[in-house]
Amino acid sequence: MTSVELPELSGKVALITGASRGIGYGVAEALLARGDRVCITGRNEEALKEAVDKLGADRVIGVAGKVHDEAHQAATVERTMEAFGRVDFLVNNAGTNPVFGPIADLDLNVARKVFETNVVSALSFAQRTWYAWQKDNGGAIVNIASVAGVSASPFIGAYGISKAAMINLTLQLAHEYAPKVRVNAIAPAVVKTKFAKALYEGREAEAAAAYPLGRLGVPSDIGGAAAFLTSEQSDWITGQTLVVDGGIFLNAGVG
């Protein structure tokens, strides 16, 4: 039994990295709900299988592995093409943030790991889907960035810098891949996921009070945005970063 009532197939296929839970899972739900077929990735094979079963194994496949592993990247795109014959949409969602503290004390080896996972892997998947399908057939790419990439982010500086790089990667890809492929980014504020739990656990009401819309984000908020940016309704949008933040940036104004 699937978690959503699925419509007729759209004929389109999406590859979503880091989608066994959280934002990636929310994106998968949104694209399945309109009839797409989906390949999801994740590090934990058991968790990935559980996600595939919940989403619906008739329309979803999972490829387990570490997102920065080139062999995993190649296998994922190959498996998607074998299973579905196409890959119209790429959603680069997988990411890491293994360090919390001032950037002056940042271990540079950790910084390298963050960039390898958050930026280089996204570029690699974009290259691979381009040559596998999108170069000749078109499609769309959505990079999941962060509000940390468009403002200073105390104590998560490495993560913020990597997300700023992902936003610029979005611009570069949008320019080079046009007119065949549209490339956009989504920059969420705090979304209630295991990944972001340290930012609100034990103080959710206090954290949510800072948002004009009165709550933290949930994965379906980002799923809806990703569905829009991979739909015909956004056919004249490319190279943009859509901030999905519950209005938190409004608090930067005077008064």
Protein backbone atom coordinates (compact mmCIF):
# COMPACT_ATOMS: atom_id res chain seq x y z
CA MET A 1 0.00 0.00 0.00
CA THR A 2 1.37 3.43 -0.92
CA SER A 3 1.21 6.58 1.19
CA VAL A 4 -0.50 8.58 -1.58
CA GLU A 5 -3.23 7.82 -4.11
CA LEU A 6 -1.34 7.93 -7.39
CA PRO A 7 -2.83 9.35 -10.60
CA GLU A 8 -2.18 8.09 -14.11
CA LEU A 9 1.44 8.14 -15.20
CA SER A 10 2.70 11.47 -16.50
CA GLY A 11 5.38 9.80 -18.62
CA LYS A 12 8.09 11.79 -16.81
CA VAL A 13 10.84 10.48 -14.55
CA ALA A 14 12.70 12.16 -11.68
CA LEU A 15 15.94 11.29 -9.91
CA ILE A 16 16.04 12.66 -6.36
CA THR A 17 19.16 12.34 -4.22
CA GLY A 18 18.98 11.94 -0.45
CA ALA A 19 15.30 11.03 -0.51
CA SER A 20 14.77 8.22 1.99
CA ARG A 21 13.42 10.83 4.42
CA GLY A 22 13.00 14.57 5.00
CA ILE A 23 12.92 17.07 2.16
CA GLY A 24 13.89 14.56 -0.51
CA TYR A 25 11.07 12.25 0.53
CA GLY A 26 8.65 15.19 0.46
CA VAL A 27 9.77 16.01 -3.08
CA ALA A 28 9.28 12.38 -4.12
CA GLU A 29 5.72 12.42 -2.71
CA ALA A 30 4.90 15.59 -4.64
CA LEU A 31 6.20 14.31 -7.96
CA LEU A 32 4.54 10.93 -7.55
CA ALA A 33 1.26 12.68 -6.76
CA ARG A 34 1.21 14.18 -10.26
CA GLY A 35 2.10 10.88 -11.93
CA ASP A 36 5.88 10.91 -12.30
CA ARG A 37 8.03 7.85 -11.72
CA VAL A 38 10.95 8.32 -9.39
CA CYS A 39 14.39 7.03 -8.47
CA ILE A 40 15.51 7.94 -4.96
CA THR A 41 18.90 7.56 -3.32
CA GLY A 42 20.10 7.29 0.26
CA ARG A 43 23.04 6.00 2.28
CA ASN A 44 21.12 3.47 4.37
CA GLU A 45 19.87 0.56 2.28
CA GLU A 46 17.24 -0.52 4.81
CA ALA A 47 15.81 2.98 5.22
CA LEU A 48 15.81 3.40 1.45
CA LYS A 49 13.90 0.16 0.92
CA GLU A 50 11.35 1.22 3.52
CA ALA A 51 10.89 4.55 1.71
CA VAL A 52 10.43 2.81 -1.65
CA ASP A 53 7.81 0.50 -0.16
CA LYS A 54 5.93 3.42 1.42
CA LEU A 55 6.03 5.51 -1.74
CA GLY A 56 5.04 2.61 -3.98
CA ALA A 57 7.46 0.12 -5.49
CA ASP A 58 5.47 0.03 -8.72
CA ARG A 59 6.64 3.56 -9.54
CA VAL A 60 9.72 4.04 -7.38
CA ILE A 61 13.18 2.51 -7.34
CA GLY A 62 15.97 3.12 -4.84
CA VAL A 63 19.73 3.05 -5.30
CA ALA A 64 21.71 2.98 -2.05
CA GLY A 65 25.11 4.63 -1.75
CA LYS A 66 27.06 7.69 -0.71
CA VAL A 67 26.26 10.70 -2.84
CA HIS A 68 29.90 11.74 -3.24
CA ASP A 69 30.93 8.29 -4.52
CA GLU A 70 31.41 8.50 -8.30
CA ALA A 71 30.59 4.81 -8.76
CA HIS A 72 27.29 5.38 -6.94
CA GLN A 73 26.54 8.41 -9.10
CA ALA A 74 27.14 6.47 -12.29
CA ALA A 75 25.15 3.45 -11.07
CA THR A 76 22.19 5.61 -10.05
CA VAL A 77 21.82 7.29 -13.44
CA GLU A 78 22.38 3.97 -15.23
CA ARG A 79 19.80 2.20 -13.07
CA THR A 80 17.25 4.98 -13.65
CA MET A 81 17.70 4.72 -17.41
CA GLU A 82 17.45 0.92 -17.28
CA ALA A 83 14.28 0.99 -15.18
CA PHE A 84 12.44 3.89 -16.79
CA GLY A 85 14.22 4.72 -20.05
CA ARG A 86 14.58 8.43 -19.27
CA VAL A 87 15.45 10.97 -16.58
CA ASP A 88 13.58 14.23 -17.13
CA PHE A 89 14.14 15.82 -13.73
CA LEU A 90 17.07 15.86 -11.35
CA VAL A 91 16.61 17.10 -7.79
CA ASN A 92 19.95 17.51 -6.00
CA ASN A 93 18.86 17.27 -2.39
CA ALA A 94 21.49 15.16 -0.61
CA GLY A 95 23.69 17.18 1.71
CA THR A 96 25.72 17.18 4.88
CA ASN A 97 26.49 19.55 7.73
CA PRO A 98 28.82 17.69 10.09
CA VAL A 99 30.25 20.65 11.99
CA PHE A 100 28.88 23.40 14.25
CA GLY A 101 31.11 26.26 15.35
CA PRO A 102 32.96 29.41 14.27
CA ILE A 103 34.50 29.32 10.83
CA ALA A 104 37.84 30.52 12.23
CA ASP A 105 38.22 27.09 13.83
CA LEU A 106 36.90 25.08 10.89
CA ASP A 107 38.85 21.92 10.08
CA LEU A 108 39.67 22.26 6.39
CA ASN A 109 39.29 18.54 5.84
CA VAL A 110 35.71 18.88 7.06
CA ALA A 111 35.22 21.81 4.69
CA ARG A 112 36.43 19.64 1.82
CA LYS A 113 33.96 16.90 2.79
CA VAL A 114 31.09 19.38 2.91
CA PHE A 115 31.93 20.70 -0.56
CA GLU A 116 32.43 17.23 -2.01
CA THR A 117 29.00 16.14 -0.77
CA ASN A 118 26.97 19.33 -1.20
CA VAL A 119 28.45 20.83 -4.37
CA VAL A 120 30.69 18.48 -6.35
CA SER A 121 28.19 15.62 -6.19
CA ALA A 122 25.42 17.93 -7.45
CA LEU A 123 27.58 18.96 -10.39
CA SER A 124 28.41 15.34 -11.14
CA PHE A 125 24.77 14.26 -11.16
CA ALA A 126 23.93 17.25 -13.39
CA GLN A 127 26.64 16.19 -15.84
CA ARG A 128 25.52 12.57 -15.83
CA THR A 129 21.81 13.25 -16.33
CA TRP A 130 22.70 15.75 -19.07
CA TYR A 131 24.56 13.17 -21.11
CA ALA A 132 22.21 10.30 -20.29
CA TRP A 133 19.00 12.05 -21.39
CA GLN A 134 18.57 15.79 -20.94
CA LYS A 135 21.04 17.01 -23.59
CA ASP A 136 18.90 15.58 -26.37
CA ASN A 137 15.48 15.53 -24.74
CA GLY A 138 15.32 18.43 -22.29
CA GLY A 139 14.12 18.51 -18.71
CA ALA A 140 14.72 20.42 -15.50
CA ILE A 141 17.10 20.45 -12.54
CA VAL A 142 16.30 21.67 -9.05
CA ASN A 143 19.11 22.20 -6.56
CA ILE A 144 18.10 22.27 -2.91
CA ALA A 145 20.16 25.11 -1.46
CA SER A 146 19.38 26.96 1.79
CA VAL A 147 18.78 30.41 3.22
CA ALA A 148 22.22 29.79 4.75
CA GLY A 149 23.54 30.33 1.23
CA VAL A 150 22.06 33.81 0.85
CA SER A 151 23.00 35.28 4.23
CA ALA A 152 25.58 34.91 6.95
CA SER A 153 25.00 31.72 8.93
CA PRO A 154 26.80 31.80 12.28
CA PHE A 155 28.12 28.42 13.43
CA ILE A 156 27.15 26.62 10.20
CA GLY A 157 29.50 28.59 7.98
CA ALA A 158 30.86 25.67 5.94
CA TYR A 159 27.33 24.57 5.14
CA GLY A 160 26.31 28.11 4.20
CA ILE A 161 29.31 28.60 1.93
CA SER A 162 28.59 25.31 0.18
CA LYS A 163 24.96 26.32 -0.37
CA ALA A 164 26.08 29.68 -1.78
CA ALA A 165 28.26 27.70 -4.18
CA MET A 166 25.24 25.58 -5.10
CA ILE A 167 23.28 28.72 -5.93
CA ASN A 168 26.06 29.86 -8.25
CA LEU A 169 26.25 26.35 -9.71
CA THR A 170 22.56 26.79 -10.50
CA LEU A 171 23.33 29.97 -12.44
CA GLN A 172 26.17 28.36 -14.37
CA LEU A 173 24.14 25.29 -15.30
CA ALA A 174 21.11 27.37 -16.24
CA HIS A 175 23.26 29.40 -18.63
CA GLU A 176 25.04 26.43 -20.21
CA TYR A 177 22.11 24.01 -20.36
CA ALA A 178 19.62 26.46 -21.91
CA PRO A 179 17.42 26.19 -23.86
CA LYS A 180 17.06 22.42 -23.40
CA VAL A 181 17.15 22.25 -19.59
CA ARG A 182 15.89 24.71 -17.01
CA VAL A 183 17.90 24.86 -13.77
CA ASN A 184 16.63 26.50 -10.57
CA ALA A 185 17.31 26.31 -6.85
CA ILE A 186 15.17 26.30 -3.73
CA ALA A 187 16.51 27.94 -0.57
CA PRO A 188 14.52 26.70 2.43
CA ALA A 189 14.71 28.07 5.96
CA VAL A 190 14.39 25.57 8.83
CA VAL A 191 12.34 22.55 7.79
CA LYS A 192 11.27 19.97 10.36
CA THR A 193 13.52 17.05 9.43
CA LYS A 194 15.99 14.84 11.23
CA PHE A 195 18.76 16.72 9.40
CA ALA A 196 17.73 20.07 10.93
CA LYS A 197 16.59 18.79 14.33
CA ALA A 198 19.47 20.44 16.21
CA LEU A 199 18.11 23.84 15.13
CA TYR A 200 14.71 23.42 16.81
CA GLU A 201 14.60 20.32 19.03
CA GLY A 202 13.28 21.16 22.48
CA ARG A 203 12.46 24.73 21.44
CA GLU A 204 10.19 24.42 18.42
CA ALA A 205 7.63 26.96 19.63
CA GLU A 206 10.37 29.49 20.29
CA ALA A 207 11.97 28.84 16.91
CA ALA A 208 8.64 29.05 15.07
CA ALA A 209 7.74 32.33 16.77
CA ALA A 210 10.43 34.08 14.73
CA TYR A 211 8.61 33.24 11.49
CA PRO A 212 5.87 35.61 10.31
CA LEU A 213 3.83 32.61 9.13
CA GLY A 214 4.05 31.18 12.65
CA ARG A 215 5.55 27.76 11.96
CA LEU A 216 8.63 25.94 10.75
CA GLY A 217 8.66 24.38 7.32
CA VAL A 218 7.68 20.80 6.57
CA PRO A 219 8.96 18.63 3.70
CA SER A 220 5.75 19.06 1.67
CA ASP A 221 6.42 22.83 1.51
CA ILE A 222 9.60 22.13 -0.42
CA GLY A 223 7.98 19.30 -2.35
CA GLY A 224 5.37 21.69 -3.69
CA ALA A 225 8.01 24.18 -4.75
CA ALA A 226 10.01 21.46 -6.52
CA ALA A 227 6.88 20.23 -8.28
CA PHE A 228 6.24 23.75 -9.56
CA LEU A 229 9.82 24.25 -10.77
CA THR A 230 9.68 20.97 -12.72
CA SER A 231 6.27 21.67 -14.22
CA GLU A 232 5.06 23.36 -17.41
CA GLN A 233 3.82 26.25 -15.26
CA SER A 234 7.47 27.28 -14.75
CA ASP A 235 8.57 26.88 -18.39
CA TRP A 236 9.89 30.47 -18.55
CA ILE A 237 11.82 30.31 -15.28
CA THR A 238 15.49 29.38 -15.13
CA GLY A 239 18.55 30.44 -13.15
CA GLN A 240 16.44 31.50 -10.17
CA THR A 241 16.62 30.74 -6.46
CA LEU A 242 13.21 30.45 -4.85
CA VAL A 243 13.42 31.32 -1.14
CA VAL A 244 10.90 29.24 0.83
CA ASP A 245 11.28 30.59 4.34
CA GLY A 246 7.92 31.23 6.03
CA GLY A 247 8.72 34.93 5.80
CA ILE A 248 11.75 34.82 8.11
CA PHE A 249 13.70 37.27 5.93
CA LEU A 250 10.99 39.86 6.48
CA ASN A 251 12.35 40.25 10.00
CA ALA A 252 15.49 41.83 8.59
CA GLY A 253 13.56 45.02 7.86
CA VAL A 254 13.50 48.17 9.98
CA GLY A 255 11.13 47.87 12.94
